[in-house]
């Protein structure tokens, strides 16, 4: 009986030690996480830091919390406008007649008058610099016929981009029911907008006066103070209401690395700007990008079977950058994979290979290699002539 009790005591002690060890280990892990969070916290409800080139998230705090975005909404309005410009649907020089509905918007505005005529570019500047609500609605009406139809388009585009935390109810971010997004989704749509670099021509402007066709000139002042006071910042959009508090989607470029910082529900404008700067500082201090290929590089050529041309040159679809922690760029390797041959006909932009980037043997990114021109299929006469030419060369 005593032996049995002794064994039970030993088992109890060992079990207690194991449990204590597990508890201590868990406690240490939790403390480590807590310390890490305490060392780098953002004074806002939600925040995300994203690398533009790769889309990699470098920092996140409550990234999927659904919150009102205020005028950061206009990132989507600007995106749809520039997509329409780039597709040829509209032109920046198009003239837009301002409606009474657009003029009825409150908050920040260009103080447009019903019947006033402004160009798409002027309205886009009004949205991106002054954050004008009347200009945003005027663009929405010009693009889709009504603000309601434009908002429907906004939500469709959000779904296409994988913005799962978002629902838009207007195009300017003025307080309204059922209008929300997340820091994660803001980063997603901001990255898409930055694929249209024309937007930076506007968002980096500090001041500009709108005077043509107006009795009273109006000077627009950029609501994003980081454009003036943070090195490399050239956009993108701020927003604030009493409900949303202070929000921003900021972007900055240093040493070929572009970062996107989205911050939501920060207590004040100054705190928002300070915390956004902190996010960007963290990204630029810790990471760098390595350029593996330029979009203008001719990487090689692919043989075209039965084509009018015997081969087609290939180049990267875009400049290829890879994100890495500073000091580790020497560990990145580049592997070029090109098709040996392809049958005609070949379309310009057709994928014919890839550049694969790896780190320590593990793939981290890839970029398509595309045909630089069309190659049509050769007619029978051309093929016979080419075969005859080959035959003659063999016997020379």
Protein backbone atom coordinates (compact mmCIF):
# COMPACT_ATOMS: atom_id res chain seq x y z
CA UNK A 1 0.00 0.00 0.00
CA UNK A 2 2.87 2.37 0.95
CA UNK A 3 4.65 1.55 -2.34
CA UNK A 4 1.47 2.40 -4.22
CA UNK A 5 1.14 5.76 -2.44
CA UNK A 6 4.87 6.46 -3.05
CA UNK A 7 4.47 5.73 -6.76
CA UNK A 8 1.41 8.00 -6.94
CA UNK A 9 3.33 10.80 -5.19
CA UNK A 10 6.20 10.50 -7.64
CA UNK A 11 3.78 10.53 -10.59
CA UNK A 12 2.02 13.55 -9.11
CA UNK A 13 5.30 15.45 -8.65
CA UNK A 14 6.50 14.62 -12.18
CA UNK A 15 3.12 15.57 -13.64
CA UNK A 16 3.14 18.83 -11.69
CA UNK A 17 6.64 19.65 -12.93
CA UNK A 18 5.64 18.93 -16.53
CA UNK A 19 2.50 21.05 -16.24
CA UNK A 20 4.46 23.84 -14.57
CA UNK A 21 7.04 23.67 -17.33
CA UNK A 22 4.33 23.82 -20.01
CA UNK A 23 2.62 26.69 -18.20
CA UNK A 24 5.90 28.57 -17.83
CA UNK A 25 6.77 27.96 -21.47
CA UNK A 26 3.33 29.15 -22.57
CA UNK A 27 3.66 32.16 -20.30
CA UNK A 28 7.06 33.01 -21.78
CA UNK A 29 5.68 32.68 -25.31
CA UNK A 30 2.71 34.90 -24.48
CA UNK A 31 4.97 37.43 -22.80
CA UNK A 32 7.21 37.43 -25.86
CA UNK A 33 4.22 38.14 -28.09
CA UNK A 34 2.99 40.81 -25.68
CA UNK A 35 6.40 42.45 -25.63
CA UNK A 36 6.58 42.37 -29.40
CA UNK A 37 3.17 44.00 -29.62
CA UNK A 38 4.06 46.56 -26.94
CA UNK A 39 7.27 47.46 -28.74
CA UNK A 40 5.39 48.14 -31.95
CA UNK A 41 1.79 49.13 -31.53
CA UNK A 42 -0.25 51.58 -33.55
CA UNK A 43 -2.57 54.09 -31.88
CA UNK A 44 -5.56 53.25 -34.05
CA UNK A 45 -8.24 50.57 -34.13
CA UNK A 46 -6.83 48.95 -37.24
CA UNK A 47 -3.72 49.14 -39.42
CA UNK A 48 -1.91 47.33 -42.24
CA UNK A 49 1.49 47.85 -43.86
CA UNK A 50 1.87 46.32 -47.33
CA UNK A 51 4.73 46.07 -49.82
CA UNK A 52 3.40 47.28 -53.16
CA UNK A 53 5.54 45.12 -55.46
CA UNK A 54 4.74 41.77 -53.82
CA UNK A 55 1.52 42.51 -51.94
CA UNK A 56 3.13 41.05 -48.81
CA UNK A 57 1.74 42.24 -45.47
CA UNK A 58 4.55 43.51 -43.23
CA UNK A 59 2.42 44.58 -40.26
CA UNK A 60 -1.19 44.17 -39.24
CA UNK A 61 -3.43 45.13 -36.35
CA UNK A 62 -7.09 44.05 -36.44
CA UNK A 63 -6.74 44.02 -40.24
CA UNK A 64 -10.24 42.73 -41.00
CA UNK A 65 -12.24 44.86 -38.57
CA UNK A 66 -15.10 46.52 -40.46
CA UNK A 67 -15.02 50.27 -39.90
CA UNK A 68 -16.30 53.42 -41.65
CA UNK A 69 -13.52 54.71 -43.94
CA UNK A 70 -14.68 58.32 -44.42
CA UNK A 71 -13.04 59.85 -47.51
CA UNK A 72 -10.59 56.97 -47.94
CA UNK A 73 -13.64 55.63 -49.83
CA UNK A 74 -12.48 57.84 -52.68
CA UNK A 75 -9.58 55.44 -53.39
CA UNK A 76 -12.15 53.27 -55.16
CA UNK A 77 -13.70 56.29 -56.89
CA UNK A 78 -10.27 57.28 -58.24
CA UNK A 79 -9.53 53.69 -59.25
CA UNK A 80 -12.71 53.32 -61.32
CA UNK A 81 -12.10 56.71 -62.93
CA UNK A 82 -8.54 55.88 -64.01
CA UNK A 83 -9.56 52.41 -65.19
CA UNK A 84 -12.15 54.11 -67.42
CA UNK A 85 -9.48 56.51 -68.71
CA UNK A 86 -6.94 53.77 -69.39
CA UNK A 87 -9.51 51.60 -71.15
CA UNK A 88 -10.48 54.46 -73.47
CA UNK A 89 -14.04 54.74 -72.12
CA UNK A 90 -13.44 58.38 -71.14
CA UNK A 91 -10.66 60.96 -71.49
CA UNK A 92 -9.11 63.25 -68.92
CA UNK A 93 -10.04 66.17 -71.20
CA UNK A 94 -13.75 65.22 -71.30
CA UNK A 95 -16.04 68.00 -70.12
CA UNK A 96 -18.49 67.20 -67.33
CA UNK A 97 -21.61 69.24 -66.59
CA UNK A 98 -22.16 69.40 -62.83
CA UNK A 99 -25.58 68.32 -61.55
CA UNK A 100 -27.63 69.75 -58.68
CA UNK A 101 -27.22 66.45 -56.84
CA UNK A 102 -23.43 66.69 -56.98
CA UNK A 103 -23.58 70.28 -55.73
CA UNK A 104 -25.77 69.26 -52.77
CA UNK A 105 -22.94 67.34 -51.10
CA UNK A 106 -21.75 68.72 -47.77
CA UNK A 107 -18.36 68.48 -46.14
CA UNK A 108 -15.19 69.18 -48.10
CA UNK A 109 -15.95 70.39 -51.62
CA UNK A 110 -14.90 72.47 -54.60
CA UNK A 111 -18.13 74.49 -54.24
CA UNK A 112 -19.20 73.54 -57.73
CA UNK A 113 -22.32 75.21 -59.15
CA UNK A 114 -25.17 73.46 -61.01
CA UNK A 115 -24.45 73.63 -64.74
CA UNK A 116 -20.76 74.41 -64.21
CA UNK A 117 -18.50 72.57 -66.65
CA UNK A 118 -15.26 70.98 -65.46
CA UNK A 119 -12.94 68.42 -67.07
CA UNK A 120 -12.50 64.90 -65.76
CA UNK A 121 -8.91 65.79 -64.82
CA UNK A 122 -10.01 68.84 -62.82
CA UNK A 123 -12.55 66.74 -60.93
CA UNK A 124 -9.97 64.01 -60.34
CA UNK A 125 -7.61 66.61 -58.90
CA UNK A 126 -10.44 67.88 -56.74
CA UNK A 127 -10.96 64.38 -55.35
CA UNK A 128 -7.30 63.50 -54.85
CA UNK A 129 -6.02 66.85 -53.52
CA UNK A 130 -8.95 68.58 -51.85
CA UNK A 131 -10.99 65.40 -51.15
CA UNK A 132 -13.99 67.15 -52.68
CA UNK A 133 -17.28 65.31 -52.19
CA UNK A 134 -19.06 67.21 -54.97
CA UNK A 135 -16.28 66.33 -57.45
CA UNK A 136 -16.51 62.63 -56.50
CA UNK A 137 -20.25 62.54 -57.19
CA UNK A 138 -19.79 64.44 -60.47
CA UNK A 139 -17.31 61.79 -61.63
CA UNK A 140 -19.63 58.99 -60.51
CA UNK A 141 -22.54 60.45 -62.48
CA UNK A 142 -20.40 60.99 -65.56
CA UNK A 143 -19.06 57.43 -65.53
CA UNK A 144 -22.26 55.49 -64.81
CA UNK A 145 -25.19 57.90 -65.18
CA UNK A 146 -26.02 58.07 -61.49
CA UNK A 147 -24.27 57.77 -58.15
CA UNK A 148 -26.34 54.68 -57.32
CA UNK A 149 -25.14 52.83 -60.42
CA UNK A 150 -21.57 53.92 -59.73
CA UNK A 151 -21.77 52.57 -56.16
CA UNK A 152 -22.95 49.25 -57.58
CA UNK A 153 -19.84 49.26 -59.78
CA UNK A 154 -17.70 50.05 -56.72
CA UNK A 155 -19.00 46.99 -54.90
CA UNK A 156 -18.55 44.77 -57.95
CA UNK A 157 -14.94 45.91 -58.28
CA UNK A 158 -14.36 45.36 -54.58
CA UNK A 159 -15.46 41.73 -54.94
CA UNK A 160 -13.17 41.25 -57.93
CA UNK A 161 -10.24 42.50 -55.84
CA UNK A 162 -11.06 40.10 -52.99
CA UNK A 163 -12.22 42.85 -50.62
CA UNK A 164 -14.30 40.67 -48.32
CA UNK A 165 -14.74 43.20 -45.51
CA UNK A 166 -16.25 45.97 -47.63
CA UNK A 167 -19.60 47.43 -48.60
CA UNK A 168 -19.92 50.85 -50.19
CA UNK A 169 -23.10 52.94 -49.95
CA UNK A 170 -21.78 56.13 -51.54
CA UNK A 171 -18.77 57.28 -53.57
CA UNK A 172 -17.35 59.91 -51.24
CA UNK A 173 -17.41 58.51 -47.70
CA UNK A 174 -19.88 60.93 -46.14
CA UNK A 175 -21.65 59.26 -43.15
CA UNK A 176 -24.26 56.77 -44.33
CA UNK A 177 -25.61 53.40 -43.17
CA UNK A 178 -24.02 50.13 -44.27
CA UNK A 179 -20.81 51.76 -45.49
CA UNK A 180 -17.66 50.08 -44.23
CA UNK A 181 -14.31 48.54 -45.12
CA UNK A 182 -11.14 47.34 -43.38
CA UNK A 183 -7.47 48.31 -43.27
CA UNK A 184 -6.75 45.11 -45.25
CA UNK A 185 -9.21 46.01 -48.00
CA UNK A 186 -7.98 49.60 -48.15
CA UNK A 187 -4.47 48.27 -48.80
CA UNK A 188 -5.81 45.99 -51.55
CA UNK A 189 -7.64 48.73 -53.45
CA UNK A 190 -4.79 51.19 -52.90
CA UNK A 191 -2.34 48.73 -54.44
CA UNK A 192 -4.65 48.37 -57.44
CA UNK A 193 -4.92 52.15 -57.81
CA UNK A 194 -1.12 52.48 -57.74
CA UNK A 195 -0.94 50.24 -60.80
CA UNK A 196 -2.17 53.41 -62.55
CA UNK A 197 0.85 55.66 -61.79
CA UNK A 198 -0.93 58.68 -63.27
CA UNK A 199 -2.75 59.06 -59.95
CA UNK A 200 0.53 60.08 -58.27
CA UNK A 201 0.72 63.12 -60.55
CA UNK A 202 -2.29 64.40 -58.60
CA UNK A 203 -1.94 62.96 -55.10
CA UNK A 204 1.56 64.42 -54.65
CA UNK A 205 0.42 67.99 -55.40
CA UNK A 206 0.52 70.16 -52.28
CA UNK A 207 -1.44 73.18 -53.55
CA UNK A 208 -3.14 74.10 -56.81
CA UNK A 209 -5.60 76.85 -57.73
CA UNK A 210 -8.68 76.17 -59.83
CA UNK A 211 -9.50 79.42 -61.61
CA UNK A 212 -10.43 78.86 -65.25
CA UNK A 213 -14.13 79.47 -65.84
CA UNK A 214 -14.74 80.59 -62.26
CA UNK A 215 -15.52 84.04 -60.92
CA UNK A 216 -13.91 83.12 -57.63
CA UNK A 217 -10.66 81.09 -57.86
CA UNK A 218 -10.42 78.17 -55.45
CA UNK A 219 -7.11 76.96 -54.02
CA UNK A 220 -6.96 73.25 -53.28
CA UNK A 221 -4.70 72.17 -50.41
CA UNK A 222 -3.72 68.52 -50.02
CA UNK A 223 -5.38 66.96 -46.99
CA UNK A 224 -2.48 64.51 -46.73
CA UNK A 225 0.21 66.44 -44.84
CA UNK A 226 2.63 63.52 -45.17
CA UNK A 227 3.08 64.49 -48.82
CA UNK A 228 4.89 67.59 -47.60
CA UNK A 229 6.50 66.31 -44.42
CA UNK A 230 7.37 62.62 -44.92
CA UNK A 231 10.29 61.72 -47.22
CA UNK A 232 9.11 59.81 -50.28
CA UNK A 233 5.37 60.15 -49.59
CA UNK A 234 3.39 60.94 -52.74
CA UNK A 235 -0.14 59.87 -51.85
CA UNK A 236 -2.72 58.59 -51.38
CA UNK A 237 -5.91 59.55 -49.48
CA UNK A 238 -7.02 60.74 -46.05
CA UNK A 239 -10.44 60.76 -44.43
CA UNK A 240 -12.14 61.81 -41.22
CA UNK A 241 -15.61 62.05 -39.73
CA UNK A 242 -16.82 62.02 -36.12
CA UNK A 243 -17.77 58.35 -36.52
CA UNK A 244 -14.77 57.15 -38.56
CA UNK A 245 -12.26 59.32 -36.65
CA UNK A 246 -9.03 59.76 -38.62
CA UNK A 247 -8.14 57.35 -41.44
CA UNK A 248 -5.52 57.25 -44.17
CA UNK A 249 -4.11 55.26 -47.03
CA UNK A 250 -0.55 56.51 -47.40
CA UNK A 251 2.13 55.45 -49.85
CA UNK A 252 5.81 56.29 -50.02
CA UNK A 253 8.72 55.31 -52.27
CA UNK A 254 12.35 54.93 -51.20
CA UNK A 255 15.17 53.03 -52.94
CA UNK A 256 12.75 51.47 -55.46
CA UNK A 257 10.57 50.09 -52.64
CA UNK A 258 7.00 51.37 -52.42
CA UNK A 259 5.01 50.80 -49.24
CA UNK A 260 1.30 51.22 -48.53
CA UNK A 261 0.13 52.03 -44.99
CA UNK A 262 -3.57 51.98 -44.13
CA UNK A 263 -4.65 53.25 -40.72
CA UNK A 264 -8.25 53.42 -39.48
CA UNK A 265 -9.91 55.13 -36.53
CA UNK A 266 -6.93 56.95 -35.10
CA UNK A 267 -7.90 59.48 -32.36
CA UNK A 268 -6.61 62.69 -34.00
CA UNK A 269 -5.11 63.86 -37.26
CA UNK A 270 -1.67 64.38 -35.71
CA UNK A 271 -1.69 60.93 -34.08
CA UNK A 272 -2.76 59.37 -37.38
CA UNK A 273 0.10 61.06 -39.22
CA UNK A 274 2.58 60.09 -36.51
CA UNK A 275 1.49 56.45 -36.44
CA UNK A 276 1.46 56.21 -40.24
CA UNK A 277 5.00 57.58 -40.31
CA UNK A 278 5.95 54.96 -37.70
CA UNK A 279 4.56 52.19 -39.92
CA UNK A 280 6.42 53.43 -42.97
CA UNK A 281 9.63 53.94 -40.99
CA UNK A 282 9.42 50.33 -39.80
CA UNK A 283 9.03 49.00 -43.34
CA UNK A 284 11.85 51.06 -44.82
CA UNK A 285 14.19 50.25 -41.91
CA UNK A 286 13.64 46.50 -41.99
CA UNK A 287 13.05 45.59 -45.65
CA UNK A 288 14.45 46.22 -49.11
CA UNK A 289 13.63 45.11 -52.64
CA UNK A 290 15.96 43.35 -55.05
CA UNK A 291 15.44 44.01 -58.76
CA UNK A 292 15.70 40.77 -60.70
CA UNK A 293 14.60 42.06 -64.10
CA UNK A 294 13.48 45.23 -65.84
CA UNK A 295 10.35 45.16 -67.99
CA UNK A 296 12.47 46.37 -70.94
CA UNK A 297 15.01 43.53 -70.62
CA UNK A 298 15.13 41.06 -73.52
CA UNK A 299 15.46 37.79 -71.62
CA UNK A 300 15.73 35.51 -74.66
CA UNK A 301 13.78 34.21 -77.63
CA UNK A 302 11.48 31.31 -78.41
CA UNK A 303 11.42 29.35 -81.67
CA UNK A 304 8.08 29.75 -83.49
CA UNK A 305 7.02 26.67 -85.44
CA UNK A 306 5.32 27.43 -88.78
CA UNK A 307 5.45 31.16 -88.09
CA UNK A 308 6.22 34.04 -90.47
CA UNK A 309 9.12 34.80 -88.15
CA UNK A 310 11.31 31.96 -86.99
CA UNK A 311 11.43 33.23 -83.39
CA UNK A 312 9.96 35.80 -81.02
CA UNK A 313 11.72 37.78 -78.29
CA UNK A 314 10.49 37.55 -74.73
CA UNK A 315 10.66 40.02 -71.84
CA UNK A 316 9.20 40.27 -68.32
CA UNK A 317 5.56 41.29 -68.11
CA UNK A 318 6.68 43.98 -65.69
CA UNK A 319 9.77 44.96 -63.74
CA UNK A 320 10.44 42.15 -61.26
CA UNK A 321 11.25 43.09 -57.68
CA UNK A 322 11.51 40.73 -54.73
CA UNK A 323 11.06 41.81 -51.12
CA UNK A 324 13.57 40.64 -48.53
CA UNK A 325 14.71 41.59 -45.07
CA UNK A 326 17.74 43.86 -45.19
CA UNK A 327 21.02 41.99 -45.36
CA UNK A 328 19.55 38.88 -47.00
CA UNK A 329 19.51 39.84 -50.67
CA UNK A 330 22.51 37.62 -51.38
CA UNK A 331 20.35 34.57 -50.61
CA UNK A 332 17.98 35.23 -53.54
CA UNK A 333 18.47 33.23 -56.74
CA UNK A 334 16.89 33.77 -60.19
CA UNK A 335 15.85 30.92 -62.49
CA UNK A 336 14.73 31.67 -66.07
CA UNK A 337 12.33 29.16 -67.62
CA UNK A 338 11.51 29.70 -71.30
CA UNK A 339 9.56 27.47 -73.67
CA UNK A 340 11.77 25.67 -76.21
CA UNK A 341 9.30 26.33 -79.00
CA UNK A 342 5.74 27.41 -79.65
CA UNK A 343 3.41 26.91 -82.59
CA UNK A 344 2.21 29.90 -84.60
CA UNK A 345 0.36 32.03 -84.29
CA UNK A 346 1.74 33.92 -81.30
CA UNK A 347 -0.01 36.93 -79.75
CA UNK A 348 1.85 39.90 -78.32
CA UNK A 349 1.77 39.55 -74.52
CA UNK A 350 1.34 35.77 -74.67
CA UNK A 351 3.04 33.96 -71.79
CA UNK A 352 6.06 31.99 -73.00
CA UNK A 353 7.97 31.46 -69.77
CA UNK A 354 8.66 32.62 -66.24
CA UNK A 355 11.34 34.04 -64.01
CA UNK A 356 11.27 32.22 -60.68
CA UNK A 357 12.85 33.78 -57.59
CA UNK A 358 13.89 31.52 -54.72
CA UNK A 359 15.51 31.94 -51.34
CA UNK A 360 17.50 29.09 -49.84
CA UNK A 361 15.94 26.73 -52.39
CA UNK A 362 12.33 27.81 -51.67
CA UNK A 363 10.30 29.67 -54.26
CA UNK A 364 9.24 33.13 -53.08
CA UNK A 365 7.92 34.80 -56.24
CA UNK A 366 7.59 34.52 -60.01
CA UNK A 367 7.09 36.78 -63.01
CA UNK A 368 5.66 35.89 -66.44
CA UNK A 369 7.81 36.21 -69.54
CA UNK A 370 5.76 37.37 -72.52
CA UNK A 371 6.06 37.66 -76.30
CA UNK A 372 7.03 41.15 -77.44
CA UNK A 373 5.19 40.96 -80.78
CA UNK A 374 2.64 39.04 -82.81
CA UNK A 375 3.88 36.22 -85.04
CA UNK A 376 1.33 35.10 -87.62
CA UNK A 377 1.23 31.64 -89.11
CA UNK A 378 3.19 31.36 -92.37
CA UNK A 379 1.39 30.32 -95.54
CA UNK A 380 2.33 27.14 -97.38
CA UNK A 381 4.40 29.12 -99.91
CA UNK A 382 6.43 30.73 -97.15
CA UNK A 383 7.10 27.38 -95.48
CA UNK A 384 8.22 25.81 -98.78
CA UNK A 385 10.52 28.77 -99.49
CA UNK A 386 12.03 28.53 -96.01
CA UNK A 387 12.60 24.77 -96.35
CA UNK A 388 14.29 25.32 -99.71
CA UNK A 389 16.52 27.98 -98.13
CA UNK A 390 17.56 25.57 -95.39
CA UNK A 391 18.36 22.93 -98.01
CA UNK A 392 20.54 25.34 -100.03
CA UNK A 393 22.45 26.41 -96.92
CA UNK A 394 23.23 22.79 -96.09
CA UNK A 395 24.90 22.24 -99.47
CA UNK A 396 26.94 25.44 -99.62
